[in-house]
Amino acid sequence: MKYVVSWKYRWNGSAAENEESVRRALAVFANWKPVDGVTYHQMVGRLDGSGGFAVVETDNPIDLTDAPKKFGFFADYEIQPVVELAEAVQAIEEGVSFRESIS
């Protein structure tokens, strides 16, 4: 199953505290690698520097806790299950057909 993982950095300290937090996060990221069984199709950063997004695929959703548990000191995470757009459209069409079948 595919998921979109989004994160926003926590900029809630002083400028000096935020700067130190960035240094620590970069050091942790330099030593991080995805867990086995998780495929990162794409990771992108927001142009405003406030966070980023990743398209991730795994058969074991618990594997998605890896990044939040390792980077939760620095960012807030949201994880949304997603499907290919064609599949989403098909589901919408089925819903419309069902409602139309009811008099």
PDB file of N, CA and C in Angstrom:
ATOM      1  N   MET A   1       0.838  -1.174   0.000  1.00  0.00           N
ATOM      2  CA  MET A   1       0.000   0.000   0.000  1.00  0.00           C
ATOM      3  C   MET A   1       0.885   1.241   0.000  1.00  0.00           C
ATOM      4  N   LYS A   2       0.381   2.283  -0.643  1.00  0.00           N
ATOM      5  CA  LYS A   2       1.125   3.545  -0.704  1.00  0.00           C
ATOM      6  C   LYS A   2       0.581   4.531   0.330  1.00  0.00           C
ATOM      7  N   TYR A   3       1.475   5.385   0.786  1.00  0.00           N
ATOM      8  CA  TYR A   3       1.141   6.411   1.762  1.00  0.00           C
ATOM      9  C   TYR A   3       1.841   7.709   1.374  1.00  0.00           C
ATOM     10  N   VAL A   4       1.222   8.821   1.724  1.00  0.00           N
ATOM     11  CA  VAL A   4       1.901  10.104   1.641  1.00  0.00           C
ATOM     12  C   VAL A   4       2.222  10.508   3.074  1.00  0.00           C
ATOM     13  N   VAL A   5       3.495  10.706   3.317  1.00  0.00           N
ATOM     14  CA  VAL A   5       3.969  11.133   4.624  1.00  0.00           C
ATOM     15  C   VAL A   5       4.306  12.619   4.500  1.00  0.00           C
ATOM     16  N   SER A   6       3.740  13.420   5.381  1.00  0.00           N
ATOM     17  CA  SER A   6       4.079  14.848   5.374  1.00  0.00           C
ATOM     18  C   SER A   6       4.625  15.221   6.742  1.00  0.00           C
ATOM     19  N   TRP A   7       5.479  16.200   6.745  1.00  0.00           N
ATOM     20  CA  TRP A   7       6.039  16.670   8.010  1.00  0.00           C
ATOM     21  C   TRP A   7       6.229  18.171   7.968  1.00  0.00           C
ATOM     22  N   LYS A   8       6.102  18.771   9.144  1.00  0.00           N
ATOM     23  CA  LYS A   8       6.358  20.202   9.327  1.00  0.00           C
ATOM     24  C   LYS A   8       7.339  20.329  10.479  1.00  0.00           C
ATOM     25  N   TYR A   9       8.356  21.128  10.252  1.00  0.00           N
ATOM     26  CA  TYR A   9       9.374  21.328  11.267  1.00  0.00           C
ATOM     27  C   TYR A   9       8.823  22.126  12.442  1.00  0.00           C
ATOM     28  N   ARG A  10       9.336  21.825  13.613  1.00  0.00           N
ATOM     29  CA  ARG A  10       8.935  22.539  14.821  1.00  0.00           C
ATOM     30  C   ARG A  10       9.889  23.715  15.035  1.00  0.00           C
ATOM     31  N   TRP A  11       9.449  24.886  14.681  1.00  0.00           N
ATOM     32  CA  TRP A  11      10.248  26.094  14.883  1.00  0.00           C
ATOM     33  C   TRP A  11       9.664  26.841  16.082  1.00  0.00           C
ATOM     34  N   ASN A  12       9.677  26.219  17.253  1.00  0.00           N
ATOM     35  CA  ASN A  12       9.038  26.841  18.403  1.00  0.00           C
ATOM     36  C   ASN A  12      10.023  27.218  19.507  1.00  0.00           C
ATOM     37  N   GLY A  13      11.300  27.179  19.203  1.00  0.00           N
ATOM     38  CA  GLY A  13      12.304  27.586  20.183  1.00  0.00           C
ATOM     39  C   GLY A  13      12.857  28.951  19.817  1.00  0.00           C
ATOM     40  N   SER A  14      13.873  29.350  20.544  1.00  0.00           N
ATOM     41  CA  SER A  14      14.580  30.579  20.184  1.00  0.00           C
ATOM     42  C   SER A  14      15.352  30.325  18.891  1.00  0.00           C
ATOM     43  N   ALA A  15      15.875  31.369  18.303  1.00  0.00           N
ATOM     44  CA  ALA A  15      16.664  31.204  17.080  1.00  0.00           C
ATOM     45  C   ALA A  15      17.844  30.270  17.328  1.00  0.00           C
ATOM     46  N   ALA A  16      18.506  30.427  18.465  1.00  0.00           N
ATOM     47  CA  ALA A  16      19.655  29.576  18.788  1.00  0.00           C
ATOM     48  C   ALA A  16      19.215  28.126  18.999  1.00  0.00           C
ATOM     49  N   GLU A  17      18.095  27.931  19.680  1.00  0.00           N
ATOM     50  CA  GLU A  17      17.589  26.572  19.904  1.00  0.00           C
ATOM     51  C   GLU A  17      17.183  25.919  18.585  1.00  0.00           C
ATOM     52  N   ASN A  18      16.521  26.676  17.710  1.00  0.00           N
ATOM     53  CA  ASN A  18      16.142  26.136  16.405  1.00  0.00           C
ATOM     54  C   ASN A  18      17.361  25.768  15.590  1.00  0.00           C
ATOM     55  N   GLU A  19      18.392  26.606  15.635  1.00  0.00           N
ATOM     56  CA  GLU A  19      19.628  26.334  14.893  1.00  0.00           C
ATOM     57  C   GLU A  19      20.278  25.047  15.392  1.00  0.00           C
ATOM     58  N   GLU A  20      20.316  24.846  16.701  1.00  0.00           N
ATOM     59  CA  GLU A  20      20.891  23.623  17.262  1.00  0.00           C
ATOM     60  C   GLU A  20      20.038  22.413  16.889  1.00  0.00           C
ATOM     61  N   SER A  21      18.735  22.579  16.876  1.00  0.00           N
ATOM     62  CA  SER A  21      17.840  21.487  16.501  1.00  0.00           C
ATOM     63  C   SER A  21      18.070  21.078  15.041  1.00  0.00           C
ATOM     64  N   VAL A  22      18.287  22.055  14.174  1.00  0.00           N
ATOM     65  CA  VAL A  22      18.576  21.754  12.770  1.00  0.00           C
ATOM     66  C   VAL A  22      19.883  20.969  12.662  1.00  0.00           C
ATOM     67  N   ARG A  23      20.892  21.385  13.382  1.00  0.00           N
ATOM     68  CA  ARG A  23      22.175  20.664  13.349  1.00  0.00           C
ATOM     69  C   ARG A  23      21.994  19.212  13.784  1.00  0.00           C
ATOM     70  N   ARG A  24      21.257  19.005  14.858  1.00  0.00           N
ATOM     71  CA  ARG A  24      21.034  17.648  15.359  1.00  0.00           C
ATOM     72  C   ARG A  24      20.236  16.834  14.349  1.00  0.00           C
ATOM     73  N   ALA A  25      19.184  17.421  13.774  1.00  0.00           N
ATOM     74  CA  ALA A  25      18.368  16.702  12.792  1.00  0.00           C
ATOM     75  C   ALA A  25      19.197  16.312  11.574  1.00  0.00           C
ATOM     76  N   LEU A  26      20.066  17.184  11.117  1.00  0.00           N
ATOM     77  CA  LEU A  26      20.926  16.862   9.969  1.00  0.00           C
ATOM     78  C   LEU A  26      21.889  15.734  10.297  1.00  0.00           C
ATOM     79  N   ALA A  27      22.409  15.717  11.517  1.00  0.00           N
ATOM     80  CA  ALA A  27      23.310  14.632  11.929  1.00  0.00           C
ATOM     81  C   ALA A  27      22.560  13.307  11.986  1.00  0.00           C
ATOM     82  N   VAL A  28      21.339  13.333  12.517  1.00  0.00           N
ATOM     83  CA  VAL A  28      20.535  12.112  12.572  1.00  0.00           C
ATOM     84  C   VAL A  28      20.192  11.649  11.156  1.00  0.00           C
ATOM     85  N   PHE A  29      19.774  12.585  10.297  1.00  0.00           N
ATOM     86  CA  PHE A  29      19.393  12.229   8.924  1.00  0.00           C
ATOM     87  C   PHE A  29      20.570  11.627   8.158  1.00  0.00           C
ATOM     88  N   ALA A  30      21.769  12.129   8.393  1.00  0.00           N
ATOM     89  CA  ALA A  30      22.957  11.616   7.698  1.00  0.00           C
ATOM     90  C   ALA A  30      23.212  10.148   8.028  1.00  0.00           C
ATOM     91  N   ASN A  31      22.714   9.681   9.158  1.00  0.00           N
ATOM     92  CA  ASN A  31      22.926   8.296   9.584  1.00  0.00           C
ATOM     93  C   ASN A  31      21.690   7.433   9.449  1.00  0.00           C
ATOM     94  N   TRP A  32      20.605   7.993   8.938  1.00  0.00           N
ATOM     95  CA  TRP A  32      19.339   7.282   8.806  1.00  0.00           C
ATOM     96  C   TRP A  32      19.247   6.583   7.457  1.00  0.00           C
ATOM     97  N   LYS A  33      18.590   5.433   7.440  1.00  0.00           N
ATOM     98  CA  LYS A  33      18.241   4.774   6.185  1.00  0.00           C
ATOM     99  C   LYS A  33      16.875   4.148   6.377  1.00  0.00           C
ATOM    100  N   PRO A  34      16.105   4.053   5.305  1.00  0.00           N
ATOM    101  CA  PRO A  34      14.772   3.453   5.422  1.00  0.00           C
ATOM    102  C   PRO A  34      14.862   2.011   5.911  1.00  0.00           C
ATOM    103  N   VAL A  35      13.869   1.598   6.672  1.00  0.00           N
ATOM    104  CA  VAL A  35      13.835   0.212   7.141  1.00  0.00           C
ATOM    105  C   VAL A  35      13.558  -0.719   5.961  1.00  0.00           C
ATOM    106  N   ASP A  36      14.011  -1.952   6.080  1.00  0.00           N
ATOM    107  CA  ASP A  36      13.742  -2.950   5.047  1.00  0.00           C
ATOM    108  C   ASP A  36      12.234  -3.104   4.884  1.00  0.00           C
ATOM    109  N   GLY A  37      11.809  -3.241   3.651  1.00  0.00           N
ATOM    110  CA  GLY A  37      10.395  -3.423   3.371  1.00  0.00           C
ATOM    111  C   GLY A  37       9.652  -2.132   3.086  1.00  0.00           C
ATOM    112  N   VAL A  38      10.341  -1.001   3.185  1.00  0.00           N
ATOM    113  CA  VAL A  38       9.724   0.295   2.888  1.00  0.00           C
ATOM    114  C   VAL A  38      10.433   0.892   1.687  1.00  0.00           C
ATOM    115  N   THR A  39       9.657   1.266   0.691  1.00  0.00           N
ATOM    116  CA  THR A  39      10.206   1.902  -0.507  1.00  0.00           C
ATOM    117  C   THR A  39       9.785   3.360  -0.528  1.00  0.00           C
ATOM    118  N   TYR A  40      10.764   4.253  -0.564  1.00  0.00           N
ATOM    119  CA  TYR A  40      10.495   5.680  -0.714  1.00  0.00           C
ATOM    120  C   TYR A  40      10.547   5.988  -2.209  1.00  0.00           C
ATOM    121  N   HIS A  41       9.391   6.233  -2.804  1.00  0.00           N
ATOM    122  CA  HIS A  41       9.341   6.543  -4.232  1.00  0.00           C
ATOM    123  C   HIS A  41       9.819   7.961  -4.508  1.00  0.00           C
ATOM    124  N   GLN A  42       9.500   8.855  -3.574  1.00  0.00           N
ATOM    125  CA  GLN A  42       9.923  10.236  -3.764  1.00  0.00           C
ATOM    126  C   GLN A  42       9.903  10.950  -2.418  1.00  0.00           C
ATOM    127  N   MET A  43      10.909  11.777  -2.188  1.00  0.00           N
ATOM    128  CA  MET A  43      10.947  12.666  -1.025  1.00  0.00           C
ATOM    129  C   MET A  43      11.193  14.068  -1.558  1.00  0.00           C
ATOM    130  N   VAL A  44      10.344  15.004  -1.148  1.00  0.00           N
ATOM    131  CA  VAL A  44      10.477  16.382  -1.609  1.00  0.00           C
ATOM    132  C   VAL A  44      10.345  17.323  -0.418  1.00  0.00           C
ATOM    133  N   GLY A  45      11.038  18.448  -0.523  1.00  0.00           N
ATOM    134  CA  GLY A  45      10.972  19.466   0.514  1.00  0.00           C
ATOM    135  C   GLY A  45      10.151  20.649   0.052  1.00  0.00           C
ATOM    136  N   ARG A  46       9.462  21.261   1.000  1.00  0.00           N
ATOM    137  CA  ARG A  46       8.688  22.469   0.695  1.00  0.00           C
ATOM    138  C   ARG A  46       9.636  23.626   0.399  1.00  0.00           C
ATOM    139  N   LEU A  47       9.300  24.436  -0.584  1.00  0.00           N
ATOM    140  CA  LEU A  47      10.164  25.563  -0.944  1.00  0.00           C
ATOM    141  C   LEU A  47      10.242  26.612   0.153  1.00  0.00           C
ATOM    142  N   ASP A  48       9.235  26.657   1.013  1.00  0.00           N
ATOM    143  CA  ASP A  48       9.281  27.636   2.097  1.00  0.00           C
ATOM    144  C   ASP A  48      10.115  27.145   3.280  1.00  0.00           C
ATOM    145  N   GLY A  49      10.683  25.931   3.169  1.00  0.00           N
ATOM    146  CA  GLY A  49      11.564  25.406   4.202  1.00  0.00           C
ATOM    147  C   GLY A  49      10.864  24.912   5.450  1.00  0.00           C
ATOM    148  N   SER A  50       9.534  24.758   5.392  1.00  0.00           N
ATOM    149  CA  SER A  50       8.808  24.402   6.608  1.00  0.00           C
ATOM    150  C   SER A  50       8.531  22.907   6.762  1.00  0.00           C
ATOM    151  N   GLY A  51       8.957  22.081   5.798  1.00  0.00           N
ATOM    152  CA  GLY A  51       8.701  20.647   5.916  1.00  0.00           C
ATOM    153  C   GLY A  51       8.883  19.942   4.598  1.00  0.00           C
ATOM    154  N   GLY A  52       8.162  18.834   4.429  1.00  0.00           N
ATOM    155  CA  GLY A  52       8.288  18.073   3.197  1.00  0.00           C
ATOM    156  C   GLY A  52       7.259  16.971   3.094  1.00  0.00           C
ATOM    157  N   PHE A  53       7.397  16.186   2.022  1.00  0.00           N
ATOM    158  CA  PHE A  53       6.471  15.108   1.708  1.00  0.00           C
ATOM    159  C   PHE A  53       7.251  13.922   1.156  1.00  0.00           C
ATOM    160  N   ALA A  54       6.716  12.736   1.382  1.00  0.00           N
ATOM    161  CA  ALA A  54       7.294  11.533   0.791  1.00  0.00           C
ATOM    162  C   ALA A  54       6.166  10.624   0.342  1.00  0.00           C
ATOM    163  N   VAL A  55       6.366   9.968  -0.789  1.00  0.00           N
ATOM    164  CA  VAL A  55       5.464   8.906  -1.239  1.00  0.00           C
ATOM    165  C   VAL A  55       6.170   7.606  -0.903  1.00  0.00           C
ATOM    166  N   VAL A  56       5.528   6.817  -0.045  1.00  0.00           N
ATOM    167  CA  VAL A  56       6.143   5.636   0.539  1.00  0.00           C
ATOM    168  C   VAL A  56       5.250   4.434   0.285  1.00  0.00           C
ATOM    169  N   GLU A  57       5.879   3.280   0.090  1.00  0.00           N
ATOM    170  CA  GLU A  57       5.118   2.056  -0.111  1.00  0.00           C
ATOM    171  C   GLU A  57       5.623   0.974   0.834  1.00  0.00           C
ATOM    172  N   THR A  58       4.674   0.283   1.473  1.00  0.00           N
ATOM    173  CA  THR A  58       5.018  -0.815   2.360  1.00  0.00           C
ATOM    174  C   THR A  58       3.811  -1.728   2.546  1.00  0.00           C
ATOM    175  N   ASP A  59       4.079  -2.986   2.832  1.00  0.00           N
ATOM    176  CA  ASP A  59       3.005  -3.927   3.160  1.00  0.00           C
ATOM    177  C   ASP A  59       2.742  -3.958   4.658  1.00  0.00           C
ATOM    178  N   ASN A  60       3.622  -3.338   5.448  1.00  0.00           N
ATOM    179  CA  ASN A  60       3.488  -3.354   6.896  1.00  0.00           C
ATOM    180  C   ASN A  60       3.406  -1.916   7.419  1.00  0.00           C
ATOM    181  N   PRO A  61       2.207  -1.416   7.695  1.00  0.00           N
ATOM    182  CA  PRO A  61       2.060  -0.019   8.104  1.00  0.00           C
ATOM    183  C   PRO A  61       2.872   0.359   9.340  1.00  0.00           C
ATOM    184  N   ILE A  62       3.154  -0.579  10.228  1.00  0.00           N
ATOM    185  CA  ILE A  62       3.937  -0.250  11.430  1.00  0.00           C
ATOM    186  C   ILE A  62       5.334   0.245  11.058  1.00  0.00           C
ATOM    187  N   ASP A  63       5.828  -0.144   9.880  1.00  0.00           N
ATOM    188  CA  ASP A  63       7.134   0.344   9.427  1.00  0.00           C
ATOM    189  C   ASP A  63       7.136   1.860   9.229  1.00  0.00           C
ATOM    190  N   LEU A  64       5.964   2.441   9.053  1.00  0.00           N
ATOM    191  CA  LEU A  64       5.868   3.885   8.839  1.00  0.00           C
ATOM    192  C   LEU A  64       6.165   4.676  10.107  1.00  0.00           C
ATOM    193  N   THR A  65       6.253   4.003  11.241  1.00  0.00           N
ATOM    194  CA  THR A  65       6.588   4.706  12.483  1.00  0.00           C
ATOM    195  C   THR A  65       8.078   5.015  12.578  1.00  0.00           C
ATOM    196  N   ASP A  66       8.868   4.482  11.685  1.00  0.00           N
ATOM    197  CA  ASP A  66      10.321   4.667  11.751  1.00  0.00           C
ATOM    198  C   ASP A  66      10.728   6.138  11.733  1.00  0.00           C
ATOM    199  N   ALA A  67      10.291   6.888  10.738  1.00  0.00           N
ATOM    200  CA  ALA A  67      10.700   8.298  10.657  1.00  0.00           C
ATOM    201  C   ALA A  67      10.142   9.122  11.814  1.00  0.00           C
ATOM    202  N   PRO A  68       8.849   9.017  12.137  1.00  0.00           N
ATOM    203  CA  PRO A  68       8.358   9.816  13.272  1.00  0.00           C
ATOM    204  C   PRO A  68       9.052   9.510  14.599  1.00  0.00           C
ATOM    205  N   LYS A  69       9.371   8.246  14.838  1.00  0.00           N
ATOM    206  CA  LYS A  69      10.018   7.942  16.123  1.00  0.00           C
ATOM    207  C   LYS A  69      11.468   8.421  16.156  1.00  0.00           C
ATOM    208  N   LYS A  70      12.101   8.542  14.997  1.00  0.00           N
ATOM    209  CA  LYS A  70      13.497   9.002  14.961  1.00  0.00           C
ATOM    210  C   LYS A  70      13.628  10.508  14.784  1.00  0.00           C
ATOM    211  N   PHE A  71      12.638  11.141  14.149  1.00  0.00           N
ATOM    212  CA  PHE A  71      12.714  12.580  13.877  1.00  0.00           C
ATOM    213  C   PHE A  71      11.604  13.366  14.558  1.00  0.00           C
ATOM    214  N   GLY A  72      10.828  12.712  15.405  1.00  0.00           N
ATOM    215  CA  GLY A  72       9.733  13.379  16.098  1.00  0.00           C
ATOM    216  C   GLY A  72      10.174  14.524  16.998  1.00  0.00           C
ATOM    217  N   PHE A  73      11.441  14.535  17.386  1.00  0.00           N
ATOM    218  CA  PHE A  73      11.959  15.640  18.199  1.00  0.00           C
ATOM    219  C   PHE A  73      12.035  16.935  17.397  1.00  0.00           C
ATOM    220  N   PHE A  74      11.963  16.812  16.082  1.00  0.00           N
ATOM    221  CA  PHE A  74      12.223  17.932  15.189  1.00  0.00           C
ATOM    222  C   PHE A  74      11.043  18.287  14.287  1.00  0.00           C
ATOM    223  N   ALA A  75      10.123  17.335  14.074  1.00  0.00           N
ATOM    224  CA  ALA A  75       9.032  17.566  13.118  1.00  0.00           C
ATOM    225  C   ALA A  75       7.764  16.844  13.562  1.00  0.00           C
ATOM    226  N   ASP A  76       6.640  17.403  13.153  1.00  0.00           N
ATOM    227  CA  ASP A  76       5.339  16.764  13.346  1.00  0.00           C
ATOM    228  C   ASP A  76       4.963  16.053  12.051  1.00  0.00           C
ATOM    229  N   TYR A  77       4.461  14.833  12.171  1.00  0.00           N
ATOM    230  CA  TYR A  77       4.173  13.987  11.007  1.00  0.00           C
ATOM    231  C   TYR A  77       2.689  13.725  10.840  1.00  0.00           C
ATOM    232  N   GLU A  78       2.283  13.576   9.585  1.00  0.00           N
ATOM    233  CA  GLU A  78       0.970  13.057   9.212  1.00  0.00           C
ATOM    234  C   GLU A  78       1.199  11.999   8.147  1.00  0.00           C
ATOM    235  N   ILE A  79       0.448  10.894   8.248  1.00  0.00           N
ATOM    236  CA  ILE A  79       0.586   9.794   7.298  1.00  0.00           C
ATOM    237  C   ILE A  79      -0.797   9.457   6.762  1.00  0.00           C
ATOM    238  N   GLN A  80      -0.938   9.530   5.432  1.00  0.00           N
ATOM    239  CA  GLN A  80      -2.222   9.283   4.792  1.00  0.00           C
ATOM    240  C   GLN A  80      -2.101   8.127   3.810  1.00  0.00           C
ATOM    241  N   PRO A  81      -2.974   7.102   3.922  1.00  0.00           N
ATOM    242  CA  PRO A  81      -2.985   6.052   2.901  1.00  0.00           C
ATOM    243  C   PRO A  81      -3.552   6.626   1.607  1.00  0.00           C
ATOM    244  N   VAL A  82      -2.984   6.220   0.482  1.00  0.00           N
ATOM    245  CA  VAL A  82      -3.427   6.723  -0.819  1.00  0.00           C
ATOM    246  C   VAL A  82      -3.474   5.589  -1.836  1.00  0.00           C
ATOM    247  N   VAL A  83      -4.200   5.836  -2.919  1.00  0.00           N
ATOM    248  CA  VAL A  83      -4.245   4.909  -4.051  1.00  0.00           C
ATOM    249  C   VAL A  83      -3.997   5.699  -5.324  1.00  0.00           C
ATOM    250  N   GLU A  84      -3.715   4.988  -6.386  1.00  0.00           N
ATOM    251  CA  GLU A  84      -3.542   5.647  -7.679  1.00  0.00           C
ATOM    252  C   GLU A  84      -4.835   6.372  -8.031  1.00  0.00           C
ATOM    253  N   LEU A  85      -4.726   7.481  -8.745  1.00  0.00           N
ATOM    254  CA  LEU A  85      -5.892   8.296  -9.054  1.00  0.00           C
ATOM    255  C   LEU A  85      -6.961   7.513  -9.797  1.00  0.00           C
ATOM    256  N   ALA A  86      -6.576   6.638 -10.724  1.00  0.00           N
ATOM    257  CA  ALA A  86      -7.559   5.850 -11.471  1.00  0.00           C
ATOM    258  C   ALA A  86      -8.402   4.991 -10.526  1.00  0.00           C
ATOM    259  N   GLU A  87      -7.773   4.445  -9.494  1.00  0.00           N
ATOM    260  CA  GLU A  87      -8.515   3.639  -8.517  1.00  0.00           C
ATOM    261  C   GLU A  87      -9.449   4.515  -7.687  1.00  0.00           C
ATOM    262  N   ALA A  88      -9.005   5.707  -7.319  1.00  0.00           N
ATOM    263  CA  ALA A  88      -9.846   6.620  -6.556  1.00  0.00           C
ATOM    264  C   ALA A  88     -11.062   7.045  -7.371  1.00  0.00           C
ATOM    265  N   VAL A  89     -10.845   7.335  -8.653  1.00  0.00           N
ATOM    266  CA  VAL A  89     -11.955   7.730  -9.534  1.00  0.00           C
ATOM    267  C   VAL A  89     -12.943   6.584  -9.673  1.00  0.00           C
ATOM    268  N   GLN A  90     -12.445   5.356  -9.822  1.00  0.00           N
ATOM    269  CA  GLN A  90     -13.329   4.200  -9.931  1.00  0.00           C
ATOM    270  C   GLN A  90     -14.192   4.063  -8.677  1.00  0.00           C
ATOM    271  N   ALA A  91     -13.615   4.268  -7.507  1.00  0.00           N
ATOM    272  CA  ALA A  91     -14.376   4.184  -6.262  1.00  0.00           C
ATOM    273  C   ALA A  91     -15.452   5.268  -6.210  1.00  0.00           C
ATOM    274  N   ILE A  92     -15.120   6.467  -6.659  1.00  0.00           N
ATOM    275  CA  ILE A  92     -16.105   7.552  -6.697  1.00  0.00           C
ATOM    276  C   ILE A  92     -17.244   7.204  -7.641  1.00  0.00           C
ATOM    277  N   GLU A  93     -16.885   6.666  -8.818  1.00  0.00           N
ATOM    278  CA  GLU A  93     -17.917   6.274  -9.789  1.00  0.00           C
ATOM    279  C   GLU A  93     -18.838   5.199  -9.221  1.00  0.00           C
ATOM    280  N   GLU A  94     -18.283   4.243  -8.473  1.00  0.00           N
ATOM    281  CA  GLU A  94     -19.106   3.205  -7.854  1.00  0.00           C
ATOM    282  C   GLU A  94     -20.065   3.810  -6.838  1.00  0.00           C
ATOM    283  N   GLY A  95     -19.594   4.782  -6.090  1.00  0.00           N
ATOM    284  CA  GLY A  95     -20.457   5.467  -5.128  1.00  0.00           C
ATOM    285  C   GLY A  95     -21.594   6.211  -5.804  1.00  0.00           C
ATOM    286  N   VAL A  96     -21.278   6.888  -6.918  1.00  0.00           N
ATOM    287  CA  VAL A  96     -22.304   7.608  -7.677  1.00  0.00           C
ATOM    288  C   VAL A  96     -23.332   6.621  -8.215  1.00  0.00           C
ATOM    289  N   SER A  97     -22.865   5.510  -8.788  1.00  0.00           N
ATOM    290  CA  SER A  97     -23.780   4.495  -9.335  1.00  0.00           C
ATOM    291  C   SER A  97     -24.676   3.942  -8.246  1.00  0.00           C
ATOM    292  N   PHE A  98     -24.135   3.689  -7.077  1.00  0.00           N
ATOM    293  CA  PHE A  98     -24.940   3.168  -5.980  1.00  0.00           C
ATOM    294  C   PHE A  98     -26.040   4.150  -5.596  1.00  0.00           C
ATOM    295  N   ARG A  99     -25.665   5.429  -5.436  1.00  0.00           N
ATOM    296  CA  ARG A  99     -26.663   6.430  -5.046  1.00  0.00           C
ATOM    297  C   ARG A  99     -27.726   6.596  -6.113  1.00  0.00           C
ATOM    298  N   GLU A 100     -27.329   6.532  -7.391  1.00  0.00           N
ATOM    299  CA  GLU A 100     -28.303   6.655  -8.486  1.00  0.00           C
ATOM    300  C   GLU A 100     -29.257   5.472  -8.534  1.00  0.00           C
ATOM    301  N   SER A 101     -28.839   4.313  -8.006  1.00  0.00           N
ATOM    302  CA  SER A 101     -29.699   3.133  -8.040  1.00  0.00           C
ATOM    303  C   SER A 101     -30.793   3.172  -6.985  1.00  0.00           C
ATOM    304  N   ILE A 102     -30.695   4.128  -6.065  1.00  0.00           N
ATOM    305  CA  ILE A 102     -31.691   4.248  -4.996  1.00  0.00           C
ATOM    306  C   ILE A 102     -32.742   5.255  -5.424  1.00  0.00           C
ATOM    307  N   SER A 103     -34.021   4.818  -5.410  1.00  0.00           N
ATOM    308  CA  SER A 103     -35.090   5.741  -5.837  1.00  0.00           C
ATOM    309  C   SER A 103     -35.448   6.701  -4.761  1.00  0.00           C
TER     310      SER A 103
END
